Full PDB file with SEQRES, HELIX, SHEET, SSBOND, CRYST1, ORIGX, SCALE, CONECT and MASTER records, all heavy atoms in Angstrom:
SEQRES   1 A   34  ASP LYS LEU ALA PRO ASP LEU ILE LEU MET MET THR GLY          
SEQRES   2 A   34  SER GLY ASP HIS MET ALA ARG ALA ALA ASP ILE LEU SER          
SEQRES   3 A   34  HIS PRO ALA ILE VAL SER THR PRO                              
HELIX    1 AA1 GLY A   15  HIS A   17  5                                   3    
HELIX    2 AA2 ALA A   21  LEU A   25  1                                   5    
CRYST1    1.000    1.000    1.000  90.00  90.00  90.00 P 1           1          
ORIGX1      1.000000  0.000000  0.000000        0.00000                         
ORIGX2      0.000000  1.000000  0.000000        0.00000                         
ORIGX3      0.000000  0.000000  1.000000        0.00000                         
SCALE1      1.000000  0.000000  0.000000        0.00000                         
SCALE2      0.000000  1.000000  0.000000        0.00000                         
SCALE3      0.000000  0.000000  1.000000        0.00000                         
ATOM      1  N   ASP A   1      18.099   1.292 -10.576  1.00  0.00           N  
ATOM      2  CA  ASP A   1      17.184   1.139 -11.692  1.00  0.00           C  
ATOM      3  C   ASP A   1      16.707  -0.260 -11.943  1.00  0.00           C  
ATOM      4  O   ASP A   1      15.534  -0.553 -12.126  1.00  0.00           O  
ATOM      5  CB  ASP A   1      17.811   1.741 -12.973  1.00  0.00           C  
ATOM      6  CG  ASP A   1      16.878   1.633 -14.164  1.00  0.00           C  
ATOM      7  OD1 ASP A   1      15.777   2.238 -14.100  1.00  0.00           O  
ATOM      8  OD2 ASP A   1      17.226   0.913 -15.101  1.00  0.00           O  
ATOM      9  N   LYS A   2      17.687  -1.188 -11.736  1.00  0.00           N  
ATOM     10  CA  LYS A   2      17.364  -2.601 -11.950  1.00  0.00           C  
ATOM     11  C   LYS A   2      16.487  -3.177 -10.863  1.00  0.00           C  
ATOM     12  O   LYS A   2      15.831  -4.191 -11.041  1.00  0.00           O  
ATOM     13  CB  LYS A   2      18.680  -3.399 -11.999  1.00  0.00           C  
ATOM     14  CG  LYS A   2      19.464  -3.139 -13.299  1.00  0.00           C  
ATOM     15  CD  LYS A   2      20.799  -3.900 -13.246  1.00  0.00           C  
ATOM     16  CE  LYS A   2      21.606  -3.685 -14.522  1.00  0.00           C  
ATOM     17  NZ  LYS A   2      22.943  -4.337 -14.456  1.00  0.00           N  
ATOM     18  N   LEU A   3      16.408  -2.481  -9.731  1.00  0.00           N  
ATOM     19  CA  LEU A   3      15.633  -3.068  -8.609  1.00  0.00           C  
ATOM     20  C   LEU A   3      14.139  -2.813  -8.781  1.00  0.00           C  
ATOM     21  O   LEU A   3      13.300  -3.522  -8.171  1.00  0.00           O  
ATOM     22  CB  LEU A   3      16.038  -2.354  -7.258  1.00  0.00           C  
ATOM     23  CG  LEU A   3      17.440  -2.650  -6.741  1.00  0.00           C  
ATOM     24  CD1 LEU A   3      17.837  -1.765  -5.637  1.00  0.00           C  
ATOM     25  CD2 LEU A   3      17.580  -4.159  -6.375  1.00  0.00           C  
ATOM     26  N   ALA A   4      13.788  -1.869  -9.620  1.00  0.00           N  
ATOM     27  CA  ALA A   4      12.361  -1.647 -10.095  1.00  0.00           C  
ATOM     28  C   ALA A   4      11.419  -1.540  -8.867  1.00  0.00           C  
ATOM     29  O   ALA A   4      10.438  -2.281  -8.778  1.00  0.00           O  
ATOM     30  CB  ALA A   4      11.918  -2.745 -11.005  1.00  0.00           C  
ATOM     31  N   PRO A   5      11.658  -0.595  -7.941  1.00  0.00           N  
ATOM     32  CA  PRO A   5      10.762  -0.402  -6.846  1.00  0.00           C  
ATOM     33  C   PRO A   5       9.382   0.088  -7.241  1.00  0.00           C  
ATOM     34  O   PRO A   5       9.298   0.897  -8.195  1.00  0.00           O  
ATOM     35  CB  PRO A   5      11.476   0.605  -5.965  1.00  0.00           C  
ATOM     36  CG  PRO A   5      12.282   1.372  -6.837  1.00  0.00           C  
ATOM     37  CD  PRO A   5      12.767   0.444  -7.929  1.00  0.00           C  
ATOM     38  N   ASP A   6       8.342  -0.309  -6.536  1.00  0.00           N  
ATOM     39  CA  ASP A   6       6.981   0.200  -6.797  1.00  0.00           C  
ATOM     40  C   ASP A   6       6.723   1.444  -5.972  1.00  0.00           C  
ATOM     41  O   ASP A   6       5.817   2.275  -6.372  1.00  0.00           O  
ATOM     42  CB  ASP A   6       5.923  -0.899  -6.334  1.00  0.00           C  
ATOM     43  CG  ASP A   6       5.970  -2.150  -7.136  1.00  0.00           C  
ATOM     44  OD1 ASP A   6       6.001  -2.089  -8.351  1.00  0.00           O  
ATOM     45  OD2 ASP A   6       6.155  -3.222  -6.441  1.00  0.00           O  
ATOM     46  N   LEU A   7       7.540   1.624  -4.939  1.00  0.00           N  
ATOM     47  CA  LEU A   7       7.314   2.812  -4.091  1.00  0.00           C  
ATOM     48  C   LEU A   7       8.622   3.206  -3.469  1.00  0.00           C  
ATOM     49  O   LEU A   7       9.429   2.406  -3.119  1.00  0.00           O  
ATOM     50  CB  LEU A   7       6.322   2.537  -2.959  1.00  0.00           C  
ATOM     51  CG  LEU A   7       5.971   3.715  -1.981  1.00  0.00           C  
ATOM     52  CD1 LEU A   7       4.453   3.816  -1.732  1.00  0.00           C  
ATOM     53  CD2 LEU A   7       6.686   3.523  -0.704  1.00  0.00           C  
ATOM     54  N   ILE A   8       8.886   4.529  -3.397  1.00  0.00           N  
ATOM     55  CA  ILE A   8      10.032   5.093  -2.744  1.00  0.00           C  
ATOM     56  C   ILE A   8       9.647   5.554  -1.353  1.00  0.00           C  
ATOM     57  O   ILE A   8       8.647   6.325  -1.247  1.00  0.00           O  
ATOM     58  CB  ILE A   8      10.646   6.344  -3.519  1.00  0.00           C  
ATOM     59  CG1 ILE A   8      10.897   5.870  -4.964  1.00  0.00           C  
ATOM     60  CG2 ILE A   8      11.880   6.767  -2.830  1.00  0.00           C  
ATOM     61  CD1 ILE A   8      11.882   4.750  -5.121  1.00  0.00           C  
ATOM     62  N   LEU A   9      10.389   5.230  -0.376  1.00  0.00           N  
ATOM     63  CA  LEU A   9      10.100   5.621   1.054  1.00  0.00           C  
ATOM     64  C   LEU A   9      11.274   6.445   1.543  1.00  0.00           C  
ATOM     65  O   LEU A   9      12.466   6.072   1.468  1.00  0.00           O  
ATOM     66  CB  LEU A   9       9.868   4.344   1.923  1.00  0.00           C  
ATOM     67  CG  LEU A   9       9.652   4.584   3.441  1.00  0.00           C  
ATOM     68  CD1 LEU A   9       8.328   5.326   3.631  1.00  0.00           C  
ATOM     69  CD2 LEU A   9       9.543   3.221   4.136  1.00  0.00           C  
ATOM     70  N   MET A  10      10.947   7.565   2.169  1.00  0.00           N  
ATOM     71  CA  MET A  10      11.978   8.425   2.723  1.00  0.00           C  
ATOM     72  C   MET A  10      11.501   9.005   4.021  1.00  0.00           C  
ATOM     73  O   MET A  10      10.290   9.105   4.310  1.00  0.00           O  
ATOM     74  CB  MET A  10      12.368   9.563   1.721  1.00  0.00           C  
ATOM     75  CG  MET A  10      12.983   9.154   0.460  1.00  0.00           C  
ATOM     76  SD  MET A  10      13.570  10.498  -0.598  1.00  0.00           S  
ATOM     77  CE  MET A  10      14.934  11.180   0.382  1.00  0.00           C  
ATOM     78  N   MET A  11      12.472   9.666   4.762  1.00  0.00           N  
ATOM     79  CA  MET A  11      12.134  10.431   5.952  1.00  0.00           C  
ATOM     80  C   MET A  11      11.919  11.916   5.537  1.00  0.00           C  
ATOM     81  O   MET A  11      12.489  12.326   4.529  1.00  0.00           O  
ATOM     82  CB  MET A  11      13.204  10.376   6.963  1.00  0.00           C  
ATOM     83  CG  MET A  11      13.393   8.975   7.574  1.00  0.00           C  
ATOM     84  SD  MET A  11      14.617   9.019   8.948  1.00  0.00           S  
ATOM     85  CE  MET A  11      16.161   9.414   8.003  1.00  0.00           C  
ATOM     86  N   THR A  12      11.103  12.589   6.262  1.00  0.00           N  
ATOM     87  CA  THR A  12      11.097  14.068   6.194  1.00  0.00           C  
ATOM     88  C   THR A  12      12.228  14.519   7.190  1.00  0.00           C  
ATOM     89  O   THR A  12      12.569  13.744   8.048  1.00  0.00           O  
ATOM     90  CB  THR A  12       9.767  14.677   6.587  1.00  0.00           C  
ATOM     91  OG1 THR A  12       9.435  14.127   7.918  1.00  0.00           O  
ATOM     92  CG2 THR A  12       8.713  14.320   5.672  1.00  0.00           C  
ATOM     93  N   GLY A  13      12.719  15.728   7.003  1.00  0.00           N  
ATOM     94  CA  GLY A  13      13.754  16.178   7.890  1.00  0.00           C  
ATOM     95  C   GLY A  13      14.563  17.284   7.262  1.00  0.00           C  
ATOM     96  O   GLY A  13      14.003  17.922   6.314  1.00  0.00           O  
ATOM     97  N   SER A  14      15.716  17.484   7.676  1.00  0.00           N  
ATOM     98  CA  SER A  14      16.563  18.581   7.251  1.00  0.00           C  
ATOM     99  C   SER A  14      17.869  18.017   6.681  1.00  0.00           C  
ATOM    100  O   SER A  14      18.141  16.871   6.835  1.00  0.00           O  
ATOM    101  CB  SER A  14      16.880  19.584   8.346  1.00  0.00           C  
ATOM    102  OG  SER A  14      17.520  18.888   9.418  1.00  0.00           O  
ATOM    103  N   GLY A  15      18.639  18.867   6.045  1.00  0.00           N  
ATOM    104  CA  GLY A  15      19.969  18.492   5.512  1.00  0.00           C  
ATOM    105  C   GLY A  15      19.816  17.501   4.419  1.00  0.00           C  
ATOM    106  O   GLY A  15      18.944  17.551   3.544  1.00  0.00           O  
ATOM    107  N   ASP A  16      20.691  16.522   4.489  1.00  0.00           N  
ATOM    108  CA  ASP A  16      20.742  15.493   3.377  1.00  0.00           C  
ATOM    109  C   ASP A  16      19.466  14.625   3.332  1.00  0.00           C  
ATOM    110  O   ASP A  16      19.147  14.099   2.315  1.00  0.00           O  
ATOM    111  CB  ASP A  16      21.952  14.553   3.573  1.00  0.00           C  
ATOM    112  CG  ASP A  16      23.264  15.224   3.246  1.00  0.00           C  
ATOM    113  OD1 ASP A  16      23.222  16.207   2.481  1.00  0.00           O  
ATOM    114  OD2 ASP A  16      24.284  14.818   3.809  1.00  0.00           O  
ATOM    115  N   HIS A  17      18.714  14.539   4.460  1.00  0.00           N  
ATOM    116  CA  HIS A  17      17.535  13.714   4.522  1.00  0.00           C  
ATOM    117  C   HIS A  17      16.329  14.437   3.832  1.00  0.00           C  
ATOM    118  O   HIS A  17      15.378  13.832   3.517  1.00  0.00           O  
ATOM    119  CB  HIS A  17      17.181  13.448   5.969  1.00  0.00           C  
ATOM    120  CG  HIS A  17      18.157  12.544   6.636  1.00  0.00           C  
ATOM    121  ND1 HIS A  17      18.647  11.421   6.143  1.00  0.00           N  
ATOM    122  CD2 HIS A  17      18.812  12.722   7.839  1.00  0.00           C  
ATOM    123  CE1 HIS A  17      19.574  10.884   6.943  1.00  0.00           C  
ATOM    124  NE2 HIS A  17      19.677  11.628   7.972  1.00  0.00           N  
ATOM    125  N   MET A  18      16.528  15.695   3.564  1.00  0.00           N  
ATOM    126  CA  MET A  18      15.372  16.469   2.984  1.00  0.00           C  
ATOM    127  C   MET A  18      15.553  16.524   1.482  1.00  0.00           C  
ATOM    128  O   MET A  18      16.581  16.983   0.976  1.00  0.00           O  
ATOM    129  CB  MET A  18      15.433  17.917   3.554  1.00  0.00           C  
ATOM    130  CG  MET A  18      14.163  18.738   3.271  1.00  0.00           C  
ATOM    131  SD  MET A  18      12.752  18.085   4.093  1.00  0.00           S  
ATOM    132  CE  MET A  18      11.508  19.337   3.670  1.00  0.00           C  
ATOM    133  N   ALA A  19      14.536  16.075   0.829  1.00  0.00           N  
ATOM    134  CA  ALA A  19      14.490  16.126  -0.665  1.00  0.00           C  
ATOM    135  C   ALA A  19      13.086  16.191  -1.116  1.00  0.00           C  
ATOM    136  O   ALA A  19      12.208  15.589  -0.571  1.00  0.00           O  
ATOM    137  CB  ALA A  19      15.222  14.870  -1.230  1.00  0.00           C  
ATOM    138  N   ARG A  20      12.884  17.034  -2.154  1.00  0.00           N  
ATOM    139  CA  ARG A  20      11.482  17.139  -2.679  1.00  0.00           C  
ATOM    140  C   ARG A  20      11.161  15.929  -3.431  1.00  0.00           C  
ATOM    141  O   ARG A  20      12.044  15.307  -4.054  1.00  0.00           O  
ATOM    142  CB  ARG A  20      11.442  18.409  -3.605  1.00  0.00           C  
ATOM    143  CG  ARG A  20      11.620  19.734  -2.887  1.00  0.00           C  
ATOM    144  CD  ARG A  20      11.230  20.869  -3.776  1.00  0.00           C  
ATOM    145  NE  ARG A  20      11.790  20.786  -5.057  1.00  0.00           N  
ATOM    146  CZ  ARG A  20      11.120  20.783  -6.258  1.00  0.00           C  
ATOM    147  NH1 ARG A  20       9.807  20.856  -6.204  1.00  0.00           N  
ATOM    148  NH2 ARG A  20      11.702  20.682  -7.426  1.00  0.00           N  
ATOM    149  N   ALA A  21       9.915  15.523  -3.276  1.00  0.00           N  
ATOM    150  CA  ALA A  21       9.405  14.312  -3.968  1.00  0.00           C  
ATOM    151  C   ALA A  21       9.689  14.370  -5.522  1.00  0.00           C  
ATOM    152  O   ALA A  21      10.149  13.371  -6.120  1.00  0.00           O  
ATOM    153  CB  ALA A  21       7.936  14.122  -3.647  1.00  0.00           C  
ATOM    154  N   ALA A  22       9.427  15.609  -6.105  1.00  0.00           N  
ATOM    155  CA  ALA A  22       9.615  15.722  -7.541  1.00  0.00           C  
ATOM    156  C   ALA A  22      11.107  15.488  -7.934  1.00  0.00           C  
ATOM    157  O   ALA A  22      11.410  14.909  -8.994  1.00  0.00           O  
ATOM    158  CB  ALA A  22       9.162  17.137  -7.894  1.00  0.00           C  
ATOM    159  N   ASP A  23      12.013  15.970  -7.080  1.00  0.00           N  
ATOM    160  CA  ASP A  23      13.411  15.823  -7.391  1.00  0.00           C  
ATOM    161  C   ASP A  23      13.829  14.301  -7.303  1.00  0.00           C  
ATOM    162  O   ASP A  23      14.578  13.820  -8.094  1.00  0.00           O  
ATOM    163  CB  ASP A  23      14.322  16.569  -6.365  1.00  0.00           C  
ATOM    164  CG  ASP A  23      14.059  18.063  -6.578  1.00  0.00           C  
ATOM    165  OD1 ASP A  23      13.689  18.459  -7.708  1.00  0.00           O  
ATOM    166  OD2 ASP A  23      14.419  18.831  -5.626  1.00  0.00           O  
ATOM    167  N   ILE A  24      13.329  13.622  -6.333  1.00  0.00           N  
ATOM    168  CA  ILE A  24      13.616  12.126  -6.253  1.00  0.00           C  
ATOM    169  C   ILE A  24      13.027  11.359  -7.422  1.00  0.00           C  
ATOM    170  O   ILE A  24      13.761  10.517  -8.015  1.00  0.00           O  
ATOM    171  CB  ILE A  24      13.063  11.621  -4.948  1.00  0.00           C  
ATOM    172  CG1 ILE A  24      13.812  12.169  -3.721  1.00  0.00           C  
ATOM    173  CG2 ILE A  24      13.149  10.062  -4.848  1.00  0.00           C  
ATOM    174  CD1 ILE A  24      15.289  11.840  -3.670  1.00  0.00           C  
ATOM    175  N   LEU A  25      11.806  11.617  -7.740  1.00  0.00           N  
ATOM    176  CA  LEU A  25      11.152  10.866  -8.799  1.00  0.00           C  
ATOM    177  C   LEU A  25      11.760  11.188 -10.231  1.00  0.00           C  
ATOM    178  O   LEU A  25      11.647  10.394 -11.076  1.00  0.00           O  
ATOM    179  CB  LEU A  25       9.682  11.199  -8.828  1.00  0.00           C  
ATOM    180  CG  LEU A  25       8.893  10.653  -7.618  1.00  0.00           C  
ATOM    181  CD1 LEU A  25       7.433  11.135  -7.657  1.00  0.00           C  
ATOM    182  CD2 LEU A  25       8.979   9.175  -7.510  1.00  0.00           C  
ATOM    183  N   SER A  26      12.469  12.324 -10.352  1.00  0.00           N  
ATOM    184  CA  SER A  26      13.140  12.641 -11.609  1.00  0.00           C  
ATOM    185  C   SER A  26      14.618  12.293 -11.580  1.00  0.00           C  
ATOM    186  O   SER A  26      15.363  12.559 -12.564  1.00  0.00           O  
ATOM    187  CB  SER A  26      12.898  14.108 -11.937  1.00  0.00           C  
ATOM    188  OG  SER A  26      13.503  14.948 -10.939  1.00  0.00           O  
ATOM    189  N   HIS A  27      15.067  11.722 -10.417  1.00  0.00           N  
ATOM    190  CA  HIS A  27      16.498  11.429 -10.362  1.00  0.00           C  
ATOM    191  C   HIS A  27      16.843  10.290 -11.363  1.00  0.00           C  
ATOM    192  O   HIS A  27      16.000   9.366 -11.643  1.00  0.00           O  
ATOM    193  CB  HIS A  27      16.780  10.849  -8.938  1.00  0.00           C  
ATOM    194  CG  HIS A  27      18.173  10.693  -8.631  1.00  0.00           C  
ATOM    195  ND1 HIS A  27      18.945   9.582  -9.087  1.00  0.00           N  
ATOM    196  CD2 HIS A  27      19.087  11.462  -7.910  1.00  0.00           C  
ATOM    197  CE1 HIS A  27      20.172   9.624  -8.689  1.00  0.00           C  
ATOM    198  NE2 HIS A  27      20.244  10.778  -7.957  1.00  0.00           N  
ATOM    199  N   PRO A  28      17.973  10.347 -12.012  1.00  0.00           N  
ATOM    200  CA  PRO A  28      18.352   9.354 -13.093  1.00  0.00           C  
ATOM    201  C   PRO A  28      18.188   7.930 -12.564  1.00  0.00           C  
ATOM    202  O   PRO A  28      17.919   7.067 -13.379  1.00  0.00           O  
ATOM    203  CB  PRO A  28      19.780   9.704 -13.317  1.00  0.00           C  
ATOM    204  CG  PRO A  28      19.939  11.116 -13.018  1.00  0.00           C  
ATOM    205  CD  PRO A  28      19.032  11.384 -11.838  1.00  0.00           C  
ATOM    206  N   ALA A  29      18.410   7.616 -11.292  1.00  0.00           N  
ATOM    207  CA  ALA A  29      18.342   6.262 -10.790  1.00  0.00           C  
ATOM    208  C   ALA A  29      16.867   5.789 -10.659  1.00  0.00           C  
ATOM    209  O   ALA A  29      16.585   4.622 -10.548  1.00  0.00           O  
ATOM    210  CB  ALA A  29      19.060   6.150  -9.432  1.00  0.00           C  
ATOM    211  N   ILE A  30      15.944   6.768 -10.543  1.00  0.00           N  
ATOM    212  CA  ILE A  30      14.528   6.541 -10.211  1.00  0.00           C  
ATOM    213  C   ILE A  30      13.638   6.723 -11.327  1.00  0.00           C  
ATOM    214  O   ILE A  30      12.584   5.994 -11.414  1.00  0.00           O  
ATOM    215  CB  ILE A  30      14.055   7.362  -9.019  1.00  0.00           C  
ATOM    216  CG1 ILE A  30      15.060   7.230  -7.776  1.00  0.00           C  
ATOM    217  CG2 ILE A  30      12.684   7.129  -8.611  1.00  0.00           C  
ATOM    218  CD1 ILE A  30      15.043   5.832  -7.160  1.00  0.00           C  
ATOM    219  N   VAL A  31      13.986   7.602 -12.265  1.00  0.00           N  
ATOM    220  CA  VAL A  31      13.003   8.097 -13.266  1.00  0.00           C  
ATOM    221  C   VAL A  31      12.325   7.008 -14.075  1.00  0.00           C  
ATOM    222  O   VAL A  31      11.158   7.243 -14.455  1.00  0.00           O  
ATOM    223  CB  VAL A  31      13.688   9.143 -14.196  1.00  0.00           C  
ATOM    224  CG1 VAL A  31      14.763   8.446 -15.044  1.00  0.00           C  
ATOM    225  CG2 VAL A  31      12.707   9.928 -14.938  1.00  0.00           C  
ATOM    226  N   SER A  32      13.018   5.907 -14.350  1.00  0.00           N  
ATOM    227  CA  SER A  32      12.417   4.834 -15.207  1.00  0.00           C  
ATOM    228  C   SER A  32      11.784   3.731 -14.373  1.00  0.00           C  
ATOM    229  O   SER A  32      11.280   2.729 -14.998  1.00  0.00           O  
ATOM    230  CB  SER A  32      13.418   4.325 -16.205  1.00  0.00           C  
ATOM    231  OG  SER A  32      14.446   3.716 -15.518  1.00  0.00           O  
ATOM    232  N   THR A  33      11.773   3.883 -13.059  1.00  0.00           N  
ATOM    233  CA  THR A  33      11.141   2.782 -12.235  1.00  0.00           C  
ATOM    234  C   THR A  33       9.689   2.814 -12.199  1.00  0.00           C  
ATOM    235  O   THR A  33       9.071   3.869 -12.458  1.00  0.00           O  
ATOM    236  CB  THR A  33      11.763   2.891 -10.810  1.00  0.00           C  
ATOM    237  OG1 THR A  33      11.233   4.143 -10.211  1.00  0.00           O  
ATOM    238  CG2 THR A  33      13.229   2.849 -10.774  1.00  0.00           C  
ATOM    239  N   PRO A  34       9.030   1.786 -11.802  1.00  0.00           N  
ATOM    240  CA  PRO A  34       7.586   1.781 -11.623  1.00  0.00           C  
ATOM    241  C   PRO A  34       7.111   2.859 -10.636  1.00  0.00           C  
ATOM    242  O   PRO A  34       6.051   3.449 -10.860  1.00  0.00           O  
ATOM    243  CB  PRO A  34       7.276   0.396 -11.072  1.00  0.00           C  
ATOM    244  CG  PRO A  34       8.405  -0.457 -11.633  1.00  0.00           C  
ATOM    245  CD  PRO A  34       9.550   0.388 -11.608  1.00  0.00           C  
TER     246      PRO A  34                                                      
MASTER        0    0    0    2    0    0    0    6  245    1    0    3          
END                                                                             
């Protein structure tokens, strides 16, 4: 949260690498970031 990223970058894929954008953006660590 303190890092305040302007953009989140991820891979597409399967397993742990697969996550819906909406889920990431609403994650407690991300939700209040730019």
